[in-house]
């Protein structure tokens, strides 16, 4: 879902789909849409890779590993997205 949403944001430059988007605070709407769309696509890709790894290497602890890896990496991805988005705000 994140991959599709990110692709739509990037392709059509729809910054309005970004959570917390305030047009009065943004100085470069297109740049913000591209950055956040790419970050959303990377988060979706991350989720797919972790799910595939969990499926391929099924073991007693694979669910715990997949959950932990997804939680940590998605939090890091969110921090990177928000830190990079600061460039586009006034």
Protein backbone atom coordinates (compact mmCIF):
# COMPACT_ATOMS: atom_id res chain seq x y z
CA UNK A 1 0.00 0.00 0.00
CA UNK A 2 2.83 2.39 0.84
CA UNK A 3 4.47 1.69 -2.50
CA UNK A 4 1.32 2.59 -4.44
CA UNK A 5 0.61 5.66 -2.31
CA UNK A 6 4.22 6.83 -2.64
CA UNK A 7 4.14 6.34 -6.40
CA UNK A 8 0.93 8.38 -6.66
CA UNK A 9 2.43 11.18 -4.55
CA UNK A 10 5.60 11.28 -6.67
CA UNK A 11 3.93 10.93 -10.08
CA UNK A 12 1.18 13.50 -9.58
CA UNK A 13 3.00 15.69 -7.00
CA UNK A 14 0.08 15.34 -4.57
CA UNK A 15 1.52 16.80 -1.38
CA UNK A 16 -2.03 16.96 0.00
CA UNK A 17 -1.86 13.19 0.64
CA UNK A 18 0.98 13.65 3.13
CA UNK A 19 -0.17 13.47 6.74
CA UNK A 20 0.16 16.82 8.49
CA UNK A 21 0.67 18.75 5.26
CA UNK A 22 0.11 22.49 5.74
CA UNK A 23 0.40 24.51 2.51
CA UNK A 24 1.16 27.68 4.46
CA UNK A 25 4.36 26.23 5.91
CA UNK A 26 5.82 24.63 2.78
CA UNK A 27 8.19 26.55 0.50
CA UNK A 28 8.74 23.81 -2.12
CA UNK A 29 5.60 21.71 -2.62
CA UNK A 30 6.98 19.61 -5.50
CA UNK A 31 10.20 18.80 -3.68
CA UNK A 32 8.29 17.76 -0.55
CA UNK A 33 5.97 15.52 -2.58
CA UNK A 34 8.89 13.81 -4.31
CA UNK A 35 10.84 13.31 -1.07
CA UNK A 36 7.92 11.98 0.98
CA UNK A 37 6.65 9.83 -1.88
CA UNK A 38 10.04 8.18 -2.28
CA UNK A 39 10.30 7.65 1.47
CA UNK A 40 6.85 6.02 1.49
CA UNK A 41 7.87 3.74 -1.38
CA UNK A 42 11.06 2.75 0.44
CA UNK A 43 9.10 1.96 3.63
CA UNK A 44 6.72 -0.23 1.61
CA UNK A 45 9.63 -1.97 -0.06
CA UNK A 46 11.19 -2.54 3.36
CA UNK A 47 7.99 -4.19 4.57
CA UNK A 48 7.90 -6.44 1.50
CA UNK A 49 11.51 -7.52 1.94
CA UNK A 50 11.01 -8.32 5.61
CA UNK A 51 7.84 -10.30 4.83
CA UNK A 52 9.65 -12.22 2.09
CA UNK A 53 12.57 -12.98 4.39
CA UNK A 54 10.12 -14.18 7.05
CA UNK A 55 8.42 -16.43 4.50
CA UNK A 56 11.64 -17.87 3.08
CA UNK A 57 13.42 -18.47 6.38
CA UNK A 58 10.51 -19.73 8.44
CA UNK A 59 11.63 -20.88 11.88
CA UNK A 60 10.54 -20.69 15.50
CA UNK A 61 11.97 -17.20 15.94
CA UNK A 62 11.37 -15.76 12.47
CA UNK A 63 8.14 -14.00 13.47
CA UNK A 64 9.85 -12.28 16.38
CA UNK A 65 12.76 -11.28 14.17
CA UNK A 66 10.45 -9.96 11.43
CA UNK A 67 8.38 -7.96 13.91
CA UNK A 68 11.43 -6.48 15.61
CA UNK A 69 13.19 -5.68 12.34
CA UNK A 70 10.09 -4.05 10.88
CA UNK A 71 9.43 -1.93 13.95
CA UNK A 72 13.00 -0.68 14.24
CA UNK A 73 13.55 -0.09 10.53
CA UNK A 74 10.19 1.59 9.98
CA UNK A 75 10.90 3.96 12.88
CA UNK A 76 14.28 4.80 11.37
CA UNK A 77 12.65 5.32 7.99
CA UNK A 78 10.10 7.69 9.56
CA UNK A 79 12.84 9.71 11.24
CA UNK A 80 14.78 9.95 7.96
CA UNK A 81 11.64 11.04 6.09
CA UNK A 82 10.80 13.75 8.62
CA UNK A 83 14.37 14.97 8.89
CA UNK A 84 14.66 15.24 5.10
CA UNK A 85 11.30 16.97 4.84
CA UNK A 86 12.58 19.85 6.96
CA UNK A 87 14.40 21.17 3.89
CA UNK A 88 11.08 22.00 2.27
CA UNK A 89 9.55 23.97 5.14
CA UNK A 90 9.88 27.70 5.76
